[in-house]
Amino acid sequence: MRVLEADCHSAVGAHCTPGLRLVAWVGAADGSVWVRDELEGDDPEALGEAVAQRLLSAGAKDLL
């Protein structure tokens, strides 16, 4: 949320498994377009930042 500069009204979601596999997605407010990414890592904060950066590279900022 911090890296994406999203808020409580943003269509953003994430799910992390105990093995630190993070799946995250960002969508347009009307649900017409979504970007999704997933990544594994061993540092939760670094993992979240990496996935957020990858989502931004895939166009997430335009959806927020």
PDB file of N, CA and C in Angstrom:
ATOM      1  N   MET A   1       0.831  -1.187   0.000  1.00  0.00           N
ATOM      2  CA  MET A   1       0.000   0.000   0.000  1.00  0.00           C
ATOM      3  C   MET A   1       0.877   1.253   0.000  1.00  0.00           C
ATOM      4  N   ARG A   2       1.925   1.225   0.803  1.00  0.00           N
ATOM      5  CA  ARG A   2       2.807   2.396   0.899  1.00  0.00           C
ATOM      6  C   ARG A   2       3.497   2.653  -0.433  1.00  0.00           C
ATOM      7  N   VAL A   3       4.119   1.633  -1.003  1.00  0.00           N
ATOM      8  CA  VAL A   3       4.859   1.798  -2.256  1.00  0.00           C
ATOM      9  C   VAL A   3       3.911   2.151  -3.400  1.00  0.00           C
ATOM     10  N   LEU A   4       2.737   1.554  -3.406  1.00  0.00           N
ATOM     11  CA  LEU A   4       1.754   1.832  -4.452  1.00  0.00           C
ATOM     12  C   LEU A   4       1.065   3.180  -4.262  1.00  0.00           C
ATOM     13  N   GLU A   5       1.204   3.771  -3.070  1.00  0.00           N
ATOM     14  CA  GLU A   5       0.500   5.000  -2.696  1.00  0.00           C
ATOM     15  C   GLU A   5      -1.009   4.802  -2.822  1.00  0.00           C
ATOM     16  N   ALA A   6      -1.462   3.616  -2.415  1.00  0.00           N
ATOM     17  CA  ALA A   6      -2.884   3.267  -2.444  1.00  0.00           C
ATOM     18  C   ALA A   6      -3.525   3.669  -1.116  1.00  0.00           C
ATOM     19  N   ASP A   7      -4.850   3.713  -1.119  1.00  0.00           N
ATOM     20  CA  ASP A   7      -5.561   4.023   0.118  1.00  0.00           C
ATOM     21  C   ASP A   7      -6.685   3.014   0.324  1.00  0.00           C
ATOM     22  N   CYS A   8      -7.539   3.264   1.299  1.00  0.00           N
ATOM     23  CA  CYS A   8      -8.591   2.304   1.631  1.00  0.00           C
ATOM     24  C   CYS A   8      -9.677   2.232   0.569  1.00  0.00           C
ATOM     25  N   HIS A   9      -9.645   3.114  -0.411  1.00  0.00           N
ATOM     26  CA  HIS A   9     -10.612   3.093  -1.501  1.00  0.00           C
ATOM     27  C   HIS A   9     -10.039   2.446  -2.763  1.00  0.00           C
ATOM     28  N   SER A  10      -8.777   2.026  -2.710  1.00  0.00           N
ATOM     29  CA  SER A  10      -8.107   1.431  -3.867  1.00  0.00           C
ATOM     30  C   SER A  10      -8.451  -0.053  -3.977  1.00  0.00           C
ATOM     31  N   ALA A  11      -8.553  -0.514  -5.211  1.00  0.00           N
ATOM     32  CA  ALA A  11      -8.803  -1.935  -5.467  1.00  0.00           C
ATOM     33  C   ALA A  11      -7.461  -2.666  -5.479  1.00  0.00           C
ATOM     34  N   VAL A  12      -6.995  -2.995  -4.268  1.00  0.00           N
ATOM     35  CA  VAL A  12      -5.694  -3.636  -4.084  1.00  0.00           C
ATOM     36  C   VAL A  12      -5.892  -4.826  -3.163  1.00  0.00           C
ATOM     37  N   GLY A  13      -5.224  -5.913  -3.473  1.00  0.00           N
ATOM     38  CA  GLY A  13      -5.297  -7.081  -2.608  1.00  0.00           C
ATOM     39  C   GLY A  13      -3.983  -7.818  -2.589  1.00  0.00           C
ATOM     40  N   ALA A  14      -3.779  -8.613  -1.556  1.00  0.00           N
ATOM     41  CA  ALA A  14      -2.561  -9.407  -1.445  1.00  0.00           C
ATOM     42  C   ALA A  14      -2.833 -10.623  -0.577  1.00  0.00           C
ATOM     43  N   HIS A  15      -2.116 -11.678  -0.888  1.00  0.00           N
ATOM     44  CA  HIS A  15      -2.188 -12.912  -0.105  1.00  0.00           C
ATOM     45  C   HIS A  15      -0.780 -13.475  -0.013  1.00  0.00           C
ATOM     46  N   CYS A  16      -0.343 -13.779   1.193  1.00  0.00           N
ATOM     47  CA  CYS A  16       0.989 -14.332   1.396  1.00  0.00           C
ATOM     48  C   CYS A  16       0.871 -15.662   2.128  1.00  0.00           C
ATOM     49  N   THR A  17       1.533 -16.679   1.607  1.00  0.00           N
ATOM     50  CA  THR A  17       1.528 -17.987   2.248  1.00  0.00           C
ATOM     51  C   THR A  17       2.636 -18.047   3.292  1.00  0.00           C
ATOM     52  N   PRO A  18       2.562 -19.002   4.202  1.00  0.00           N
ATOM     53  CA  PRO A  18       3.601 -19.118   5.228  1.00  0.00           C
ATOM     54  C   PRO A  18       5.013 -19.285   4.667  1.00  0.00           C
ATOM     55  N   GLY A  19       5.144 -19.829   3.478  1.00  0.00           N
ATOM     56  CA  GLY A  19       6.461 -19.974   2.848  1.00  0.00           C
ATOM     57  C   GLY A  19       6.939 -18.708   2.176  1.00  0.00           C
ATOM     58  N   LEU A  20       6.270 -17.598   2.417  1.00  0.00           N
ATOM     59  CA  LEU A  20       6.556 -16.275   1.861  1.00  0.00           C
ATOM     60  C   LEU A  20       6.462 -16.244   0.341  1.00  0.00           C
ATOM     61  N   ARG A  21       5.345 -16.697  -0.166  1.00  0.00           N
ATOM     62  CA  ARG A  21       4.974 -16.499  -1.570  1.00  0.00           C
ATOM     63  C   ARG A  21       3.851 -15.467  -1.549  1.00  0.00           C
ATOM     64  N   LEU A  22       4.135 -14.309  -2.129  1.00  0.00           N
ATOM     65  CA  LEU A  22       3.195 -13.196  -2.123  1.00  0.00           C
ATOM     66  C   LEU A  22       2.522 -13.080  -3.482  1.00  0.00           C
ATOM     67  N   VAL A  23       1.210 -13.076  -3.485  1.00  0.00           N
ATOM     68  CA  VAL A  23       0.401 -12.834  -4.678  1.00  0.00           C
ATOM     69  C   VAL A  23      -0.327 -11.518  -4.418  1.00  0.00           C
ATOM     70  N   ALA A  24      -0.206 -10.569  -5.343  1.00  0.00           N
ATOM     71  CA  ALA A  24      -0.837  -9.267  -5.161  1.00  0.00           C
ATOM     72  C   ALA A  24      -1.457  -8.799  -6.466  1.00  0.00           C
ATOM     73  N   TRP A  25      -2.476  -7.955  -6.343  1.00  0.00           N
ATOM     74  CA  TRP A  25      -3.157  -7.465  -7.529  1.00  0.00           C
ATOM     75  C   TRP A  25      -3.664  -6.056  -7.285  1.00  0.00           C
ATOM     76  N   VAL A  26      -3.803  -5.313  -8.385  1.00  0.00           N
ATOM     77  CA  VAL A  26      -4.343  -3.956  -8.368  1.00  0.00           C
ATOM     78  C   VAL A  26      -5.333  -3.874  -9.521  1.00  0.00           C
ATOM     79  N   GLY A  27      -6.477  -3.271  -9.264  1.00  0.00           N
ATOM     80  CA  GLY A  27      -7.497  -3.174 -10.301  1.00  0.00           C
ATOM     81  C   GLY A  27      -8.038  -1.783 -10.467  1.00  0.00           C
ATOM     82  N   ALA A  28      -8.660  -1.569 -11.606  1.00  0.00           N
ATOM     83  CA  ALA A  28      -9.387  -0.324 -11.846  1.00  0.00           C
ATOM     84  C   ALA A  28     -10.611  -0.315 -10.937  1.00  0.00           C
ATOM     85  N   ALA A  29     -11.064   0.852 -10.573  1.00  0.00           N
ATOM     86  CA  ALA A  29     -12.209   0.978  -9.661  1.00  0.00           C
ATOM     87  C   ALA A  29     -13.453   0.279 -10.187  1.00  0.00           C
ATOM     88  N   ASP A  30     -13.617   0.247 -11.513  1.00  0.00           N
ATOM     89  CA  ASP A  30     -14.810  -0.395 -12.094  1.00  0.00           C
ATOM     90  C   ASP A  30     -14.610  -1.891 -12.348  1.00  0.00           C
ATOM     91  N   GLY A  31     -13.431  -2.409 -12.022  1.00  0.00           N
ATOM     92  CA  GLY A  31     -13.157  -3.837 -12.184  1.00  0.00           C
ATOM     93  C   GLY A  31     -12.866  -4.269 -13.604  1.00  0.00           C
ATOM     94  N   SER A  32     -12.708  -3.335 -14.507  1.00  0.00           N
ATOM     95  CA  SER A  32     -12.521  -3.673 -15.917  1.00  0.00           C
ATOM     96  C   SER A  32     -11.115  -4.172 -16.245  1.00  0.00           C
ATOM     97  N   VAL A  33     -10.120  -3.767 -15.478  1.00  0.00           N
ATOM     98  CA  VAL A  33      -8.730  -4.131 -15.752  1.00  0.00           C
ATOM     99  C   VAL A  33      -8.026  -4.437 -14.436  1.00  0.00           C
ATOM    100  N   TRP A  34      -7.201  -5.485 -14.465  1.00  0.00           N
ATOM    101  CA  TRP A  34      -6.415  -5.863 -13.292  1.00  0.00           C
ATOM    102  C   TRP A  34      -4.986  -6.171 -13.701  1.00  0.00           C
ATOM    103  N   VAL A  35      -4.036  -5.902 -12.810  1.00  0.00           N
ATOM    104  CA  VAL A  35      -2.677  -6.413 -12.958  1.00  0.00           C
ATOM    105  C   VAL A  35      -2.394  -7.260 -11.728  1.00  0.00           C
ATOM    106  N   ARG A  36      -1.651  -8.329 -11.935  1.00  0.00           N
ATOM    107  CA  ARG A  36      -1.384  -9.296 -10.865  1.00  0.00           C
ATOM    108  C   ARG A  36       0.069  -9.724 -10.972  1.00  0.00           C
ATOM    109  N   ASP A  37       0.666 -10.012  -9.831  1.00  0.00           N
ATOM    110  CA  ASP A  37       2.035 -10.533  -9.828  1.00  0.00           C
ATOM    111  C   ASP A  37       2.215 -11.414  -8.600  1.00  0.00           C
ATOM    112  N   GLU A  38       3.215 -12.244  -8.649  1.00  0.00           N
ATOM    113  CA  GLU A  38       3.555 -13.064  -7.484  1.00  0.00           C
ATOM    114  C   GLU A  38       5.054 -13.291  -7.467  1.00  0.00           C
ATOM    115  N   LEU A  39       5.571 -13.478  -6.267  1.00  0.00           N
ATOM    116  CA  LEU A  39       7.001 -13.615  -6.067  1.00  0.00           C
ATOM    117  C   LEU A  39       7.239 -14.313  -4.737  1.00  0.00           C
ATOM    118  N   GLU A  40       8.350 -15.025  -4.640  1.00  0.00           N
ATOM    119  CA  GLU A  40       8.750 -15.656  -3.380  1.00  0.00           C
ATOM    120  C   GLU A  40       9.983 -14.944  -2.840  1.00  0.00           C
ATOM    121  N   GLY A  41      10.128 -14.966  -1.528  1.00  0.00           N
ATOM    122  CA  GLY A  41      11.297 -14.356  -0.915  1.00  0.00           C
ATOM    123  C   GLY A  41      11.417 -14.779   0.528  1.00  0.00           C
ATOM    124  N   ASP A  42      12.442 -14.267   1.201  1.00  0.00           N
ATOM    125  CA  ASP A  42      12.630 -14.636   2.602  1.00  0.00           C
ATOM    126  C   ASP A  42      12.554 -13.437   3.549  1.00  0.00           C
ATOM    127  N   ASP A  43      12.419 -12.229   2.985  1.00  0.00           N
ATOM    128  CA  ASP A  43      12.295 -11.015   3.783  1.00  0.00           C
ATOM    129  C   ASP A  43      10.929 -10.389   3.459  1.00  0.00           C
ATOM    130  N   PRO A  44       9.978 -10.431   4.390  1.00  0.00           N
ATOM    131  CA  PRO A  44       8.624  -9.960   4.100  1.00  0.00           C
ATOM    132  C   PRO A  44       8.550  -8.524   3.579  1.00  0.00           C
ATOM    133  N   GLU A  45       9.293  -7.619   4.189  1.00  0.00           N
ATOM    134  CA  GLU A  45       9.228  -6.225   3.751  1.00  0.00           C
ATOM    135  C   GLU A  45       9.807  -6.059   2.350  1.00  0.00           C
ATOM    136  N   ALA A  46      10.952  -6.679   2.089  1.00  0.00           N
ATOM    137  CA  ALA A  46      11.574  -6.594   0.769  1.00  0.00           C
ATOM    138  C   ALA A  46      10.684  -7.253  -0.286  1.00  0.00           C
ATOM    139  N   LEU A  47      10.038  -8.334   0.080  1.00  0.00           N
ATOM    140  CA  LEU A  47       9.135  -9.032  -0.831  1.00  0.00           C
ATOM    141  C   LEU A  47       7.968  -8.137  -1.217  1.00  0.00           C
ATOM    142  N   GLY A  48       7.357  -7.495  -0.250  1.00  0.00           N
ATOM    143  CA  GLY A  48       6.250  -6.578  -0.528  1.00  0.00           C
ATOM    144  C   GLY A  48       6.664  -5.428  -1.411  1.00  0.00           C
ATOM    145  N   GLU A  49       7.820  -4.854  -1.148  1.00  0.00           N
ATOM    146  CA  GLU A  49       8.309  -3.740  -1.956  1.00  0.00           C
ATOM    147  C   GLU A  49       8.613  -4.191  -3.378  1.00  0.00           C
ATOM    148  N   ALA A  50       9.210  -5.374  -3.530  1.00  0.00           N
ATOM    149  CA  ALA A  50       9.542  -5.884  -4.865  1.00  0.00           C
ATOM    150  C   ALA A  50       8.277  -6.134  -5.685  1.00  0.00           C
ATOM    151  N   VAL A  51       7.280  -6.751  -5.082  1.00  0.00           N
ATOM    152  CA  VAL A  51       6.030  -7.009  -5.807  1.00  0.00           C
ATOM    153  C   VAL A  51       5.347  -5.690  -6.157  1.00  0.00           C
ATOM    154  N   ALA A  52       5.337  -4.747  -5.251  1.00  0.00           N
ATOM    155  CA  ALA A  52       4.724  -3.447  -5.526  1.00  0.00           C
ATOM    156  C   ALA A  52       5.429  -2.749  -6.694  1.00  0.00           C
ATOM    157  N   GLN A  53       6.741  -2.785  -6.718  1.00  0.00           N
ATOM    158  CA  GLN A  53       7.493  -2.167  -7.815  1.00  0.00           C
ATOM    159  C   GLN A  53       7.183  -2.853  -9.142  1.00  0.00           C
ATOM    160  N   ARG A  54       7.063  -4.172  -9.107  1.00  0.00           N
ATOM    161  CA  ARG A  54       6.733  -4.920 -10.320  1.00  0.00           C
ATOM    162  C   ARG A  54       5.318  -4.585 -10.798  1.00  0.00           C
ATOM    163  N   LEU A  55       4.377  -4.417  -9.858  1.00  0.00           N
ATOM    164  CA  LEU A  55       3.021  -4.020 -10.226  1.00  0.00           C
ATOM    165  C   LEU A  55       3.017  -2.624 -10.849  1.00  0.00           C
ATOM    166  N   LEU A  56       3.793  -1.716 -10.284  1.00  0.00           N
ATOM    167  CA  LEU A  56       3.893  -0.369 -10.844  1.00  0.00           C
ATOM    168  C   LEU A  56       4.459  -0.423 -12.262  1.00  0.00           C
ATOM    169  N   SER A  57       5.457  -1.271 -12.478  1.00  0.00           N
ATOM    170  CA  SER A  57       6.043  -1.418 -13.813  1.00  0.00           C
ATOM    171  C   SER A  57       5.039  -1.982 -14.811  1.00  0.00           C
ATOM    172  N   ALA A  58       4.070  -2.727 -14.308  1.00  0.00           N
ATOM    173  CA  ALA A  58       3.044  -3.332 -15.162  1.00  0.00           C
ATOM    174  C   ALA A  58       1.839  -2.414 -15.348  1.00  0.00           C
ATOM    175  N   GLY A  59       1.891  -1.193 -14.814  1.00  0.00           N
ATOM    176  CA  GLY A  59       0.821  -0.228 -15.046  1.00  0.00           C
ATOM    177  C   GLY A  59      -0.139  -0.003 -13.895  1.00  0.00           C
ATOM    178  N   ALA A  60       0.184  -0.493 -12.701  1.00  0.00           N
ATOM    179  CA  ALA A  60      -0.725  -0.356 -11.568  1.00  0.00           C
ATOM    180  C   ALA A  60      -1.035   1.105 -11.232  1.00  0.00           C
ATOM    181  N   LYS A  61      -0.091   1.996 -11.402  1.00  0.00           N
ATOM    182  CA  LYS A  61      -0.309   3.402 -11.044  1.00  0.00           C
ATOM    183  C   LYS A  61      -1.458   3.996 -11.844  1.00  0.00           C
ATOM    184  N   ASP A  62      -1.591   3.589 -13.110  1.00  0.00           N
ATOM    185  CA  ASP A  62      -2.668   4.103 -13.957  1.00  0.00           C
ATOM    186  C   ASP A  62      -4.042   3.616 -13.494  1.00  0.00           C
ATOM    187  N   LEU A  63      -4.067   2.523 -12.736  1.00  0.00           N
ATOM    188  CA  LEU A  63      -5.333   1.940 -12.283  1.00  0.00           C
ATOM    189  C   LEU A  63      -5.805   2.521 -10.953  1.00  0.00           C
ATOM    190  N   LEU A  64      -4.892   3.098 -10.197  1.00  0.00           N
ATOM    191  CA  LEU A  64      -5.227   3.590  -8.864  1.00  0.00           C
ATOM    192  C   LEU A  64      -5.851   4.966  -8.887  1.00  0.00           C
TER     193      LEU A  64
END
